[in-house]
């Protein structure tokens, strides 16, 4: 699982993400921390970047999974939610850890998201 590859030497907060594309491909990502925190990369945006590099187009995501190893289920941060909206506004997002799973819809996690439609 991608979470086990996370580089989290400062927070010890390892996150893994997986994105399912419309073609059936699963692309994973993990968080990558840096001593200069602003350049850290979240697992969700890492997976999204890999998916785009593999050819993902807007509308091409089918589902997302975010996995942590802490007691509380952890949703994507606001920046990751906004990044995911670009590729699937109605995306099911499964939050999981060793003890629980909870399914959400991206549009409920980020209501009133900013989209390309706002430019028209």
Protein backbone atom coordinates (compact mmCIF):
# COMPACT_ATOMS: atom_id res chain seq x y z
CA UNK A 1 0.00 0.00 0.00
CA UNK A 2 1.18 3.52 -0.79
CA UNK A 3 0.85 4.65 2.84
CA UNK A 4 3.78 2.45 3.85
CA UNK A 5 5.99 4.43 1.44
CA UNK A 6 5.09 7.82 2.92
CA UNK A 7 8.00 10.09 3.82
CA UNK A 8 6.78 11.57 7.11
CA UNK A 9 9.86 11.99 9.34
CA UNK A 10 8.51 15.11 11.07
CA UNK A 11 4.85 14.39 11.79
CA UNK A 12 4.97 10.57 11.58
CA UNK A 13 1.51 10.97 9.99
CA UNK A 14 1.55 8.53 7.08
CA UNK A 15 -1.22 8.88 4.51
CA UNK A 16 -1.93 6.77 1.45
CA UNK A 17 -4.36 7.54 -1.34
CA UNK A 18 -5.62 5.59 -4.31
CA UNK A 19 -7.59 6.88 -7.27
CA UNK A 20 -9.71 4.69 -9.52
CA UNK A 21 -9.93 5.99 -13.09
CA UNK A 22 -12.69 5.44 -15.62
CA UNK A 23 -10.38 3.01 -17.46
CA UNK A 24 -10.15 0.81 -14.33
CA UNK A 25 -6.61 1.86 -13.45
CA UNK A 26 -5.76 2.36 -9.78
CA UNK A 27 -3.08 4.95 -9.09
CA UNK A 28 -1.60 5.39 -5.63
CA UNK A 29 0.12 8.19 -3.81
CA UNK A 30 1.59 8.91 -0.40
CA UNK A 31 2.43 12.04 1.52
CA UNK A 32 5.96 13.40 1.19
CA UNK A 33 7.07 15.76 3.94
CA UNK A 34 9.90 18.25 3.79
CA UNK A 35 11.62 20.25 6.52
CA UNK A 36 10.25 23.31 4.72
CA UNK A 37 6.59 22.40 5.35
CA UNK A 38 5.05 24.49 2.53
CA UNK A 39 6.63 22.18 -0.05
CA UNK A 40 5.13 19.02 1.46
CA UNK A 41 2.94 16.95 -0.85
CA UNK A 42 -0.28 15.32 0.31
CA UNK A 43 -1.02 11.73 -0.70
CA UNK A 44 -4.14 12.72 -2.65
CA UNK A 45 -2.36 15.31 -4.79
CA UNK A 46 0.57 12.94 -5.25
CA UNK A 47 -1.80 10.30 -6.63
CA UNK A 48 -3.57 12.91 -8.74
CA UNK A 49 -0.28 14.12 -10.21
CA UNK A 50 0.68 10.54 -11.10
CA UNK A 51 -2.75 10.00 -12.67
CA UNK A 52 -2.47 13.14 -14.79
CA UNK A 53 1.04 12.11 -15.86
CA UNK A 54 -0.50 8.78 -16.95
CA UNK A 55 -3.11 10.58 -19.07
CA UNK A 56 -6.03 11.31 -16.72
CA UNK A 57 -8.41 13.93 -18.11
CA UNK A 58 -11.08 15.94 -16.26
CA UNK A 59 -14.07 13.69 -15.62
CA UNK A 60 -11.86 10.61 -15.60
CA UNK A 61 -11.96 9.75 -11.91
CA UNK A 62 -14.42 7.16 -10.57
CA UNK A 63 -13.47 6.93 -6.86
CA UNK A 64 -10.86 7.89 -4.29
CA UNK A 65 -9.63 6.20 -1.11
CA UNK A 66 -7.70 7.91 1.69
CA UNK A 67 -6.02 5.66 4.28
CA UNK A 68 -4.36 6.65 7.55
CA UNK A 69 -3.29 4.78 10.65
CA UNK A 70 -4.72 7.12 13.27
CA UNK A 71 -7.88 6.61 15.33
CA UNK A 72 -9.91 9.32 13.58
CA UNK A 73 -10.85 8.90 9.93
CA UNK A 74 -9.03 11.64 8.06
CA UNK A 75 -10.60 13.41 5.09
CA UNK A 76 -8.51 15.12 2.41
CA UNK A 77 -7.35 18.65 3.24
CA UNK A 78 -9.07 21.55 1.50
CA UNK A 79 -6.38 21.88 -1.16
CA UNK A 80 -6.69 18.20 -2.06
CA UNK A 81 -10.48 18.42 -2.17
CA UNK A 82 -10.24 21.35 -4.57
CA UNK A 83 -7.67 19.55 -6.73
CA UNK A 84 -9.89 16.45 -6.96
CA UNK A 85 -12.96 18.52 -7.94
CA UNK A 86 -11.18 19.44 -11.18
CA UNK A 87 -11.35 15.78 -12.24
CA UNK A 88 -14.67 14.58 -10.74
CA UNK A 89 -17.03 16.74 -8.72
CA UNK A 90 -19.34 13.84 -7.80
CA UNK A 91 -16.49 11.59 -6.71
CA UNK A 92 -17.11 8.97 -3.99
CA UNK A 93 -14.34 9.27 -1.38
CA UNK A 94 -13.74 6.37 1.01
CA UNK A 95 -11.98 7.27 4.27
CA UNK A 96 -10.35 4.29 5.98
CA UNK A 97 -8.07 3.17 8.77
CA UNK A 98 -7.55 -0.17 10.50
CA UNK A 99 -10.77 0.17 12.48
CA UNK A 100 -13.33 1.91 10.30
CA UNK A 101 -14.43 2.97 6.85
CA UNK A 102 -16.72 5.79 5.87
CA UNK A 103 -17.97 6.73 2.41
CA UNK A 104 -18.46 10.38 1.46
CA UNK A 105 -19.14 12.31 -1.73
CA UNK A 106 -16.59 14.93 -2.74
CA UNK A 107 -19.29 17.54 -3.33
CA UNK A 108 -20.34 17.10 0.32
CA UNK A 109 -16.75 17.38 1.56
CA UNK A 110 -16.28 20.58 -0.46
CA UNK A 111 -19.60 22.33 -1.04
CA UNK A 112 -19.53 25.44 -3.22
CA UNK A 113 -16.24 24.42 -4.83
CA UNK A 114 -14.53 26.69 -7.34
CA UNK A 115 -14.61 25.22 -10.86
CA UNK A 116 -13.76 26.21 -14.39
CA UNK A 117 -17.39 27.18 -14.83
CA UNK A 118 -16.71 30.25 -12.71
CA UNK A 119 -14.59 31.65 -15.56
CA UNK A 120 -17.57 31.79 -17.92
